[in-house]
Amino acid sequence: MNILVTGANGQLGNEMQIVARQSSHHFVFTDVCDGYAKLDITDLDEIRRAVKDNEINCIVNCAAWTNVDGAEAPEKRELVEKLNAKAPENLAVAMREAGGLLIHVSTDYVFGGDPYNTPCREDQKGTPTGVYGETKLLGEQLIAAMGVKYVILRTAWLYSEFGKNFVKTMLNLTATKPRLNVVFDQCGTPTYAGDLAHAIMTVAEEYSLSGIGNGTWDKTGIYHFSNEGVCSWFDFTKTIAELSGHTDCDIEPCHSDEFPSPVKRPAYSVLDKTKVKETFGIRIPYWTDSLKVCLRNLGVM
């Protein structure tokens, strides 16, 4: 099977490159930066050419606008919507025409407008509170309306050894600051991008085994994936510091309103993963176990 990966230079894209080394499938890794095949996912004709030239059977879309606060700038709205909604629609069109599968990564930010105290299910109404969540939800809706075989994987609190993320930021801050205040009133589940990449490959492999393009794929839909367990950002930071030996930093809990933001973030966005586990037989690691894997890879454990 020929698999095209967008956003290859991001956190998840880099993890996809690692899991691809153990795969028998052929991969085309694309991005807009140097070192990768160039692909502008806002250009439908360009996507069509890439799909045709490489005989692509599956697209894994790891590309998106992910700067949540930056998305609120009025002058950025059009670009954010283009990347998070129009581009996924383009990918869906190209895969529908090719008779292939689109695997698209979405976010827990499609929730947040209503108070929740139980894990969010896939069929729960989206209530985004900012431009990022709104455009990601629109992207999901446009894909679903396109008549393509698709799997949308909503994830949350993504981190890895690559790029900028919460884990790497907290490693630096807990090593250099005597005291930190971290919010305790936002709860969710950290997700190691390496685990998400393996889940994506499980989906792709299942599609390959079902017989590419024969019309029998019956697993189209939205799924949730994060690591197992629940914590606050405060708990997450405390665990990062303890595992990395940064015990001299005094980490204290605080409220979200002590860190003003243009976006109201979800107070509780734990994702119910029953569907993805039952459909694809995926066993998901507990969040602290995966955090240890990442920290070892970073050389701090």
Protein backbone atom coordinates (compact mmCIF):
# COMPACT_ATOMS: atom_id res chain seq x y z
CA MET A 1 0.00 0.00 0.00
CA ASN A 2 1.19 3.52 -0.79
CA ILE A 3 0.68 5.99 2.07
CA LEU A 4 1.09 9.76 1.83
CA VAL A 5 1.76 11.61 5.10
CA THR A 6 1.22 15.36 5.36
CA GLY A 7 2.85 17.55 8.00
CA ALA A 8 5.81 15.17 8.13
CA ASN A 9 8.05 17.61 10.02
CA GLY A 10 5.67 17.99 12.97
CA GLN A 11 5.52 15.99 16.19
CA LEU A 12 3.24 13.30 14.83
CA GLY A 13 4.82 13.35 11.38
CA ASN A 14 8.22 12.59 12.88
CA GLU A 15 6.77 9.71 14.88
CA MET A 16 5.13 8.41 11.70
CA GLN A 17 8.56 8.34 10.09
CA ILE A 18 9.79 6.13 12.94
CA VAL A 19 6.94 3.62 12.73
CA ALA A 20 7.23 3.57 8.93
CA ARG A 21 10.66 1.98 9.26
CA GLN A 22 9.02 -1.18 10.60
CA SER A 23 6.30 -1.21 7.93
CA SER A 24 6.19 -3.04 4.62
CA HIS A 25 4.16 -0.22 3.06
CA HIS A 26 5.62 2.53 0.89
CA PHE A 27 5.48 6.04 2.36
CA VAL A 28 5.64 9.49 0.82
CA PHE A 29 6.39 12.09 3.52
CA THR A 30 5.35 15.62 2.57
CA ASP A 31 5.61 19.07 4.10
CA VAL A 32 6.16 22.65 3.02
CA CYS A 33 9.67 22.80 4.52
CA ASP A 34 12.95 21.53 3.12
CA GLY A 35 13.83 17.86 3.42
CA TYR A 36 10.46 16.51 2.30
CA ALA A 37 8.43 16.19 -0.85
CA LYS A 38 6.69 19.56 -1.19
CA LEU A 39 2.90 19.50 -1.02
CA ASP A 40 0.50 22.41 -0.54
CA ILE A 41 -2.62 20.78 0.91
CA THR A 42 -4.65 23.93 0.26
CA ASP A 43 -4.23 23.25 -3.48
CA LEU A 44 -6.57 20.47 -4.62
CA ASP A 45 -4.95 20.04 -8.03
CA GLU A 46 -1.54 19.67 -6.42
CA ILE A 47 -2.91 16.96 -4.11
CA ARG A 48 -4.51 15.18 -7.06
CA ARG A 49 -1.17 15.12 -8.90
CA ALA A 50 0.66 13.75 -5.86
CA VAL A 51 -1.95 11.04 -5.39
CA LYS A 52 -1.85 10.04 -9.05
CA ASP A 53 1.94 10.19 -9.45
CA ASN A 54 2.55 8.07 -6.33
CA GLU A 55 -0.51 5.79 -6.72
CA ILE A 56 -1.59 6.69 -3.19
CA ASN A 57 -4.07 4.40 -1.41
CA CYS A 58 -4.16 6.20 1.93
CA ILE A 59 -3.47 9.72 3.17
CA VAL A 60 -2.54 10.39 6.80
CA ASN A 61 -3.15 14.06 7.52
CA CYS A 62 -0.87 15.27 10.32
CA ALA A 63 -0.86 18.88 9.10
CA ALA A 64 -2.85 21.64 10.80
CA TRP A 65 -2.72 25.10 12.31
CA THR A 66 -2.14 24.25 15.99
CA ASN A 67 -1.34 27.63 17.61
CA VAL A 68 -4.53 27.89 19.65
CA ASP A 69 -4.04 31.46 20.87
CA GLY A 70 -2.62 32.65 17.54
CA ALA A 71 -5.72 31.42 15.75
CA GLU A 72 -7.74 34.14 17.48
CA ALA A 73 -6.01 36.95 15.59
CA PRO A 74 -8.59 38.30 13.10
CA GLU A 75 -6.01 38.50 10.32
CA LYS A 76 -5.25 34.78 10.76
CA ARG A 77 -8.83 33.49 10.61
CA GLU A 78 -8.84 32.85 6.86
CA LEU A 79 -5.52 30.99 6.95
CA VAL A 80 -6.52 28.89 9.97
CA GLU A 81 -9.78 27.87 8.29
CA LYS A 82 -7.93 27.09 5.07
CA LEU A 83 -5.49 24.77 6.86
CA ASN A 84 -7.88 23.16 9.34
CA ALA A 85 -11.05 22.88 7.24
CA LYS A 86 -10.54 23.47 3.51
CA ALA A 87 -7.32 21.44 3.29
CA PRO A 88 -8.87 18.32 4.91
CA GLU A 89 -11.78 18.69 2.50
CA ASN A 90 -9.30 18.74 -0.39
CA LEU A 91 -7.64 15.58 0.90
CA ALA A 92 -11.05 13.92 1.22
CA VAL A 93 -11.91 14.84 -2.38
CA ALA A 94 -8.64 13.39 -3.66
CA MET A 95 -9.06 10.15 -1.71
CA ARG A 96 -12.68 9.77 -2.77
CA GLU A 97 -11.64 10.11 -6.41
CA ALA A 98 -8.82 7.59 -5.89
CA GLY A 99 -11.00 5.17 -3.94
CA GLY A 100 -8.66 5.36 -0.94
CA LEU A 101 -8.76 6.03 2.79
CA LEU A 102 -8.21 9.35 4.58
CA ILE A 103 -6.90 9.19 8.16
CA HIS A 104 -7.27 12.65 9.69
CA VAL A 105 -6.11 13.85 13.10
CA SER A 106 -8.47 16.12 15.04
CA THR A 107 -8.60 17.43 18.60
CA ASP A 108 -10.33 17.55 21.96
CA TYR A 109 -10.80 21.29 21.31
CA VAL A 110 -13.97 20.43 19.40
CA PHE A 111 -15.39 20.24 22.96
CA GLY A 112 -15.25 22.75 25.79
CA GLY A 113 -18.30 24.99 25.54
CA ASP A 114 -20.40 22.82 27.85
CA PRO A 115 -19.37 21.55 31.29
CA TYR A 116 -18.47 17.86 31.21
CA ASN A 117 -17.59 15.49 34.02
CA THR A 118 -17.56 12.20 32.13
CA PRO A 119 -15.28 11.21 29.23
CA CYS A 120 -16.37 12.68 25.89
CA ARG A 121 -17.79 10.24 23.36
CA GLU A 122 -17.52 10.48 19.59
CA ASP A 123 -21.22 11.20 19.09
CA GLN A 124 -21.26 14.02 21.62
CA LYS A 125 -22.12 17.41 20.15
CA GLY A 126 -19.12 19.60 19.40
CA THR A 127 -19.05 22.84 21.41
CA PRO A 128 -15.77 24.57 20.54
CA THR A 129 -14.91 27.83 22.27
CA GLY A 130 -12.35 29.29 19.87
CA VAL A 131 -11.29 29.52 16.24
CA TYR A 132 -8.94 26.54 16.47
CA GLY A 133 -11.67 24.21 17.74
CA GLU A 134 -14.27 25.67 15.39
CA THR A 135 -12.12 25.13 12.31
CA LYS A 136 -11.08 21.64 13.35
CA LEU A 137 -14.74 20.69 13.87
CA LEU A 138 -15.61 22.17 10.47
CA GLY A 139 -12.83 20.10 8.92
CA GLU A 140 -14.38 16.95 10.40
CA GLN A 141 -17.80 17.89 9.03
CA LEU A 142 -16.47 18.60 5.54
CA ILE A 143 -14.68 15.24 5.44
CA ALA A 144 -17.80 13.39 6.58
CA ALA A 145 -19.90 15.11 3.90
CA MET A 146 -17.54 14.11 1.10
CA GLY A 147 -18.51 10.45 0.75
CA VAL A 148 -14.95 9.24 1.26
CA LYS A 149 -13.71 6.33 3.38
CA TYR A 150 -12.26 8.07 6.43
CA VAL A 151 -11.09 7.64 9.99
CA ILE A 152 -10.93 10.80 12.09
CA LEU A 153 -8.83 10.37 15.23
CA ARG A 154 -9.43 13.03 17.86
CA THR A 155 -6.53 13.33 20.27
CA ALA A 156 -5.43 15.60 23.13
CA TRP A 157 -2.40 17.05 24.94
CA LEU A 158 0.04 15.75 22.32
CA TYR A 159 3.75 15.61 23.12
CA SER A 160 6.87 13.89 21.77
CA GLU A 161 10.63 14.13 21.51
CA PHE A 162 10.17 16.46 18.52
CA GLY A 163 9.34 20.16 18.18
CA LYS A 164 7.84 22.37 20.86
CA ASN A 165 5.44 20.80 23.35
CA PHE A 166 4.40 20.89 26.99
CA VAL A 167 6.76 18.15 28.16
CA LYS A 168 9.86 19.79 26.70
CA THR A 169 8.80 23.20 28.00
CA MET A 170 8.26 21.86 31.52
CA LEU A 171 11.55 19.98 31.45
CA ASN A 172 13.29 23.28 30.81
CA LEU A 173 11.27 25.32 33.31
CA THR A 174 11.49 22.82 36.19
CA ALA A 175 15.25 22.64 35.64
CA THR A 176 15.79 26.41 35.63
CA LYS A 177 13.05 27.99 37.77
CA PRO A 178 12.83 27.83 41.58
CA ARG A 179 9.01 28.01 41.48
CA LEU A 180 6.20 27.36 38.98
CA ASN A 181 2.44 27.85 39.10
CA VAL A 182 0.53 25.41 36.88
CA VAL A 183 -3.23 25.20 36.34
CA PHE A 184 -5.09 22.42 38.12
CA ASP A 185 -8.62 23.17 36.88
CA GLN A 186 -8.15 21.79 33.36
CA CYS A 187 -8.21 18.01 33.17
CA GLY A 188 -7.51 15.68 30.28
CA THR A 189 -5.08 12.99 29.21
CA PRO A 190 -1.58 13.46 27.80
CA THR A 191 -0.95 11.65 24.51
CA TYR A 192 2.46 10.44 23.43
CA ALA A 193 2.68 11.01 19.67
CA GLY A 194 4.53 7.71 19.28
CA ASP A 195 1.47 5.85 20.57
CA LEU A 196 -0.82 7.80 18.26
CA ALA A 197 1.44 6.96 15.30
CA HIS A 198 1.18 3.25 16.14
CA ALA A 199 -2.62 3.57 16.35
CA ILE A 200 -2.67 5.22 12.92
CA MET A 201 -0.61 2.37 11.50
CA THR A 202 -3.01 -0.15 13.02
CA VAL A 203 -5.87 1.57 11.20
CA ALA A 204 -3.92 1.70 7.93
CA GLU A 205 -2.94 -1.97 8.23
CA GLU A 206 -6.56 -2.94 8.87
CA TYR A 207 -7.57 -1.06 5.73
CA SER A 208 -4.85 -2.77 3.72
CA LEU A 209 -5.92 -6.22 4.91
CA SER A 210 -9.57 -5.47 4.09
CA GLY A 211 -8.67 -5.22 0.42
CA ILE A 212 -7.78 -1.77 -0.85
CA GLY A 213 -10.49 -0.15 -2.92
CA ASN A 214 -12.91 -3.09 -2.91
CA GLY A 215 -15.66 -1.20 -1.13
CA THR A 216 -15.87 -3.47 1.93
CA TRP A 217 -14.34 -1.02 4.41
CA ASP A 218 -16.98 -0.55 7.11
CA LYS A 219 -15.01 1.31 9.77
CA THR A 220 -15.48 4.87 8.49
CA GLY A 221 -16.14 7.30 11.33
CA ILE A 222 -14.80 9.38 14.20
CA TYR A 223 -12.70 7.79 16.93
CA HIS A 224 -10.98 9.05 20.07
CA PHE A 225 -7.37 8.31 20.96
CA SER A 226 -5.26 9.48 23.88
CA ASN A 227 -3.30 7.58 26.46
CA GLU A 228 -5.22 6.03 29.35
CA GLY A 229 -5.88 7.86 32.59
CA VAL A 230 -6.75 11.39 33.69
CA CYS A 231 -4.70 14.28 35.11
CA SER A 232 -4.54 18.05 35.33
CA TRP A 233 -1.75 20.16 33.84
CA PHE A 234 -0.48 20.50 37.41
CA ASP A 235 -0.35 16.72 37.87
CA PHE A 236 1.31 16.35 34.47
CA THR A 237 4.02 18.86 35.42
CA LYS A 238 4.63 17.29 38.84
CA THR A 239 5.13 13.91 37.20
CA ILE A 240 7.48 15.30 34.53
CA ALA A 241 9.59 16.95 37.24
CA GLU A 242 9.70 13.88 39.49
CA LEU A 243 10.61 11.45 36.70
CA SER A 244 13.33 13.76 35.37
CA GLY A 245 14.80 14.44 38.82
CA HIS A 246 13.95 18.16 38.79
CA THR A 247 12.89 18.13 42.44
CA ASP A 248 14.28 21.54 43.43
CA CYS A 249 11.48 23.38 41.63
CA ASP A 250 8.48 24.23 43.83
CA ILE A 251 5.43 23.46 41.68
CA GLU A 252 2.15 24.90 42.94
CA PRO A 253 -1.43 24.56 41.59
CA CYS A 254 -3.28 27.63 40.35
CA HIS A 255 -6.51 28.57 38.55
CA SER A 256 -6.78 29.07 34.79
CA ASP A 257 -7.79 32.70 35.20
CA GLU A 258 -4.33 33.45 36.56
CA PHE A 259 -3.06 32.95 33.01
CA PRO A 260 -5.25 35.19 30.80
CA SER A 261 -5.80 33.77 27.32
CA PRO A 262 -7.86 34.80 24.29
CA VAL A 263 -9.31 31.26 24.26
CA LYS A 264 -11.34 29.47 26.90
CA ARG A 265 -9.76 26.03 27.02
CA PRO A 266 -11.78 22.90 27.83
CA ALA A 267 -11.96 22.39 31.60
CA TYR A 268 -12.53 18.66 31.12
CA SER A 269 -11.71 16.99 27.82
CA VAL A 270 -10.99 13.39 28.75
CA LEU A 271 -11.76 11.26 25.70
CA ASP A 272 -13.70 7.99 25.83
CA LYS A 273 -11.62 5.50 23.81
CA THR A 274 -13.93 2.50 23.97
CA LYS A 275 -14.79 2.67 20.27
CA VAL A 276 -11.23 2.69 18.90
CA LYS A 277 -10.19 -0.14 21.23
CA GLU A 278 -13.13 -2.34 20.30
CA THR A 279 -13.05 -1.60 16.56
CA PHE A 280 -9.32 -1.92 15.94
CA GLY A 281 -8.19 -4.04 18.90
CA ILE A 282 -5.82 -1.33 20.10
CA ARG A 283 -4.26 -1.64 23.55
CA ILE A 284 -3.49 1.84 24.87
CA PRO A 285 -0.70 2.52 27.42
CA TYR A 286 -1.27 4.44 30.65
CA TRP A 287 -0.10 8.03 30.34
CA THR A 288 2.75 7.83 32.86
CA ASP A 289 4.18 4.72 31.17
CA SER A 290 4.33 6.51 27.83
CA LEU A 291 5.77 9.63 29.43
CA LYS A 292 8.63 7.50 30.76
CA VAL A 293 9.31 6.20 27.24
CA CYS A 294 9.54 9.74 25.89
CA LEU A 295 11.76 10.95 28.74
CA ARG A 296 14.12 8.01 28.23
CA ASN A 297 14.32 8.83 24.53
CA LEU A 298 15.14 12.42 25.47
CA GLY A 299 17.90 11.15 27.77
CA VAL A 300 16.51 12.61 31.00
CA MET A 301 15.68 9.31 32.73
